[in-house]
Amino acid sequence: MSTAFVLGNGHSRQLVPVNQLSRWGEIYGCNAIYRDFLPSVLISTDTPISTRIQEEGIPTKLKHYTRKPIANSGSHRIPQDYFGFSSGPVAAGVACDNGHRVIYLLGFDLGPLDNNRFNNIYADTEFYKKSSARPTFTGNWVKQLCTIAKKYPQANFIRILGQSSANIPEFTRIGNWANLSMDNFLDRINTGKGL
C-alpha cells in the first residue's frame, strides 16, 4: 500500500524527524512548513501566505495547491471537492486523490496547548497569531477530516497523538480511522516495521 505523511503544524509535530519520512512515503505539508522543510506537496489555503509562497518561487521546487494560483507561478488549484476546506484537510484529501491508502496525520493536534493558547509551531511569525492568542476553533477541520475519511473508505487514516493532541470523539466513530501514540509512531519510522 502507498503511504503518505500529512504534516500539520501543531506542537506535537516537533518530535518527528520529518526529513526521515520520505524513505517510507510521500510527504504533504501545510503553509509555513516550507520555511523549514520542503515536502513533496505543499497546501496553503489562506491568501496572504499562499501569495508569499508563490512570490518566493516555492511552486517551482514542489507541487503547490492553493485556492487562487497566480498565473505562471506553477501552483495548482485546490480540487473542487475540497475548495472550501482548510489546509490540513485539503492535504489529506489530495493525498487520497493521489492514490495513497495509508495516511498518517502528524501535527493535527486540533486543540489548544495546556495553557489554553494557540497551538501552532509558527505562532508569533508572519501570517500567524500570537502564541498568547486564544486557540483556533477546530470544529470545521474535524468535520472536513471526517468527510474525507468517509469519502475514502479503502484508505486507512492514522492520527499520531502527542502530548498536545486533543481527544476527538468524532474520529472514534469512523471505521477506517485509528490513533497511534507518538512513541509507537517513532518506533515505526526508526525500524520501518508496521509502516
Protein backbone atom coordinates (compact mmCIF):
# COMPACT_ATOMS: atom_id res chain seq x y z
CA MET A 1 0.00 0.00 0.00
CA SER A 2 1.16 3.51 -0.77
CA THR A 3 1.84 5.68 2.27
CA ALA A 4 1.51 9.44 2.77
CA PHE A 5 2.60 11.55 5.71
CA VAL A 6 0.43 14.64 6.08
CA LEU A 7 2.09 17.22 8.29
CA GLY A 8 0.05 19.71 10.23
CA ASN A 9 1.74 22.41 12.29
CA GLY A 10 0.63 21.54 15.81
CA HIS A 11 3.31 21.34 18.50
CA SER A 12 3.30 17.54 18.59
CA ARG A 13 4.97 17.51 15.16
CA GLN A 14 8.18 18.91 16.63
CA LEU A 15 9.13 15.44 17.88
CA VAL A 16 9.08 13.97 14.37
CA PRO A 17 12.26 13.91 12.24
CA VAL A 18 10.37 14.94 9.10
CA ASN A 19 13.44 14.69 6.89
CA GLN A 20 13.47 10.92 7.50
CA LEU A 21 9.88 10.29 6.40
CA SER A 22 10.46 10.35 2.64
CA ARG A 23 12.09 6.90 2.73
CA TRP A 24 8.72 5.49 3.83
CA GLY A 25 6.25 7.56 1.80
CA GLU A 26 5.31 10.84 0.17
CA ILE A 27 5.20 13.94 2.38
CA TYR A 28 2.40 16.52 2.28
CA GLY A 29 2.83 19.75 4.24
CA CYS A 30 0.86 22.86 5.06
CA ASN A 31 1.54 26.57 4.92
CA ALA A 32 4.75 27.76 6.61
CA ILE A 33 6.39 24.34 6.80
CA TYR A 34 8.26 25.34 3.64
CA ARG A 35 10.35 27.72 5.77
CA ASP A 36 11.98 24.72 7.46
CA PHE A 37 11.39 21.76 5.17
CA LEU A 38 10.21 21.22 1.59
CA PRO A 39 7.62 18.43 1.39
CA SER A 40 6.69 16.77 -1.89
CA VAL A 41 3.33 18.57 -1.88
CA LEU A 42 2.51 21.87 -0.14
CA ILE A 43 -1.02 23.10 0.58
CA SER A 44 -1.92 26.67 1.52
CA THR A 45 -5.46 27.98 1.56
CA ASP A 46 -5.17 31.47 3.09
CA THR A 47 -4.41 34.16 0.53
CA PRO A 48 -1.58 36.05 2.29
CA ILE A 49 0.69 33.06 2.88
CA SER A 50 -0.29 31.48 -0.45
CA THR A 51 0.74 34.65 -2.25
CA ARG A 52 4.06 34.74 -0.41
CA ILE A 53 4.76 31.09 -1.26
CA GLN A 54 4.16 31.81 -4.93
CA GLU A 55 6.16 35.05 -4.92
CA GLU A 56 9.13 33.21 -3.40
CA GLY A 57 9.07 30.66 -6.24
CA ILE A 58 8.33 27.68 -3.99
CA PRO A 59 5.97 26.08 -6.58
CA THR A 60 8.98 25.60 -8.87
CA LYS A 61 10.52 23.29 -6.23
CA LEU A 62 7.48 21.18 -5.30
CA LYS A 63 3.80 20.70 -6.11
CA HIS A 64 1.77 23.52 -4.52
CA TYR A 65 -2.02 23.68 -4.22
CA THR A 66 -3.92 26.85 -3.37
CA ARG A 67 -7.33 28.37 -3.99
CA LYS A 68 -6.07 31.19 -6.23
CA PRO A 69 -2.95 30.21 -8.17
CA ILE A 70 -1.03 33.14 -9.59
CA ALA A 71 -0.65 32.82 -13.37
CA ASN A 72 2.62 31.15 -14.38
CA SER A 73 3.63 30.51 -10.75
CA GLY A 74 3.48 26.73 -11.16
CA SER A 75 0.79 26.43 -8.47
CA HIS A 76 -2.28 24.25 -8.86
CA ARG A 77 -5.87 24.99 -7.95
CA ILE A 78 -7.23 23.03 -4.99
CA PRO A 79 -9.61 20.28 -6.22
CA GLN A 80 -13.22 21.42 -6.20
CA ASP A 81 -14.26 18.75 -3.66
CA TYR A 82 -12.02 20.44 -1.05
CA PHE A 83 -12.14 24.02 -2.24
CA GLY A 84 -13.62 25.44 0.97
CA PHE A 85 -11.59 23.21 3.29
CA SER A 86 -8.64 24.22 5.46
CA SER A 87 -5.06 23.35 4.51
CA GLY A 88 -4.65 20.18 6.62
CA PRO A 89 -7.84 18.50 5.44
CA VAL A 90 -7.08 19.52 1.83
CA ALA A 91 -3.65 17.87 2.17
CA ALA A 92 -5.28 14.66 3.40
CA GLY A 93 -7.79 14.74 0.53
CA VAL A 94 -5.14 15.36 -2.12
CA ALA A 95 -3.05 12.50 -0.69
CA CYS A 96 -6.06 10.21 -1.16
CA ASP A 97 -6.71 11.58 -4.64
CA ASN A 98 -3.09 10.72 -5.46
CA GLY A 99 -3.72 7.08 -4.60
CA HIS A 100 -2.25 6.81 -1.11
CA ARG A 101 -4.09 4.33 1.07
CA VAL A 102 -2.23 4.74 4.36
CA ILE A 103 -2.47 8.33 5.54
CA TYR A 104 -0.50 9.30 8.65
CA LEU A 105 -1.62 12.62 10.12
CA LEU A 106 1.11 14.31 12.19
CA GLY A 107 0.79 17.62 14.00
CA PHE A 108 -3.01 17.53 13.73
CA ASP A 109 -3.39 18.43 17.41
CA LEU A 110 -6.83 20.00 16.88
CA GLY A 111 -6.84 21.66 20.26
CA PRO A 112 -5.07 24.22 22.43
CA LEU A 113 -1.85 23.93 24.35
CA ASP A 114 -2.09 23.17 28.08
CA ASN A 115 -2.36 26.88 28.88
CA ASN A 116 -5.38 27.14 26.53
CA ARG A 117 -3.36 29.05 23.96
CA PHE A 118 -2.86 28.89 20.19
CA ASN A 119 -1.26 25.58 19.21
CA ASN A 120 0.91 26.16 16.16
CA ILE A 121 4.67 25.95 15.88
CA TYR A 122 4.67 29.06 13.67
CA ALA A 123 2.90 31.25 16.25
CA ASP A 124 4.48 34.71 16.55
CA THR A 125 5.65 34.65 12.91
CA GLU A 126 4.29 36.36 9.82
CA PHE A 127 0.73 35.29 8.87
CA TYR A 128 0.16 33.55 12.24
CA LYS A 129 -1.48 34.52 15.50
CA LYS A 130 0.49 35.31 18.63
CA SER A 131 1.39 32.41 20.93
CA SER A 132 -0.61 34.21 23.63
CA ALA A 133 -3.77 34.14 21.46
CA ARG A 134 -6.79 32.03 22.21
CA PRO A 135 -6.88 28.72 20.34
CA THR A 136 -8.35 28.48 16.86
CA PHE A 137 -11.72 26.77 16.59
CA THR A 138 -11.09 23.33 15.10
CA GLY A 139 -14.64 22.04 14.62
CA ASN A 140 -14.56 22.69 10.87
CA TRP A 141 -11.24 20.83 10.50
CA VAL A 142 -12.68 17.83 12.36
CA LYS A 143 -15.78 17.81 10.15
CA GLN A 144 -13.67 18.12 6.99
CA LEU A 145 -11.35 15.27 8.02
CA CYS A 146 -14.36 13.07 8.79
CA THR A 147 -15.79 13.87 5.34
CA ILE A 148 -12.54 12.84 3.64
CA ALA A 149 -12.18 9.63 5.67
CA LYS A 150 -15.74 8.65 4.76
CA LYS A 151 -15.17 9.52 1.09
CA TYR A 152 -12.20 7.12 1.02
CA PRO A 153 -13.28 4.01 2.98
CA GLN A 154 -10.48 1.99 1.34
CA ALA A 155 -7.85 4.27 2.93
CA ASN A 156 -6.56 3.94 6.48
CA PHE A 157 -6.16 7.20 8.40
CA ILE A 158 -3.77 7.10 11.35
CA ARG A 159 -3.60 10.19 13.56
CA ILE A 160 -0.42 10.45 15.61
CA LEU A 161 -1.15 11.62 19.15
CA GLY A 162 1.36 13.73 21.02
CA GLN A 163 1.17 15.44 24.36
CA SER A 164 -0.70 18.44 22.90
CA SER A 165 -3.17 16.41 20.79
CA ALA A 166 -6.84 16.83 21.68
CA ASN A 167 -9.20 13.89 22.10
CA ILE A 168 -11.67 14.00 19.19
CA PRO A 169 -14.67 11.69 19.82
CA GLU A 170 -15.95 12.05 16.23
CA PHE A 171 -12.94 10.15 14.91
CA THR A 172 -13.72 7.07 17.01
CA ARG A 173 -16.93 6.57 15.01
CA ILE A 174 -15.07 6.22 11.69
CA GLY A 175 -14.22 2.64 10.75
CA ASN A 176 -11.05 3.46 8.79
CA TRP A 177 -9.61 5.80 11.44
CA ALA A 178 -7.08 4.89 14.12
CA ASN A 179 -4.97 6.74 16.65
CA LEU A 180 -1.33 5.91 17.35
CA SER A 181 0.84 7.26 20.13
CA MET A 182 3.85 9.35 19.20
CA ASP A 183 6.18 6.81 20.85
CA ASN A 184 4.77 3.96 18.74
CA PHE A 185 5.00 6.05 15.59
CA LEU A 186 8.63 6.98 16.25
CA ASP A 187 9.39 3.28 16.74
CA ARG A 188 7.80 2.55 13.37
CA ILE A 189 9.82 5.10 11.47
CA ASN A 190 13.04 4.10 13.24
CA THR A 191 12.59 0.42 12.44
CA GLY A 192 10.40 0.52 9.32
CA LYS A 193 8.14 -2.09 10.92
CA GLY A 194 4.42 -1.53 10.72
CA LEU A 195 4.58 1.27 8.15
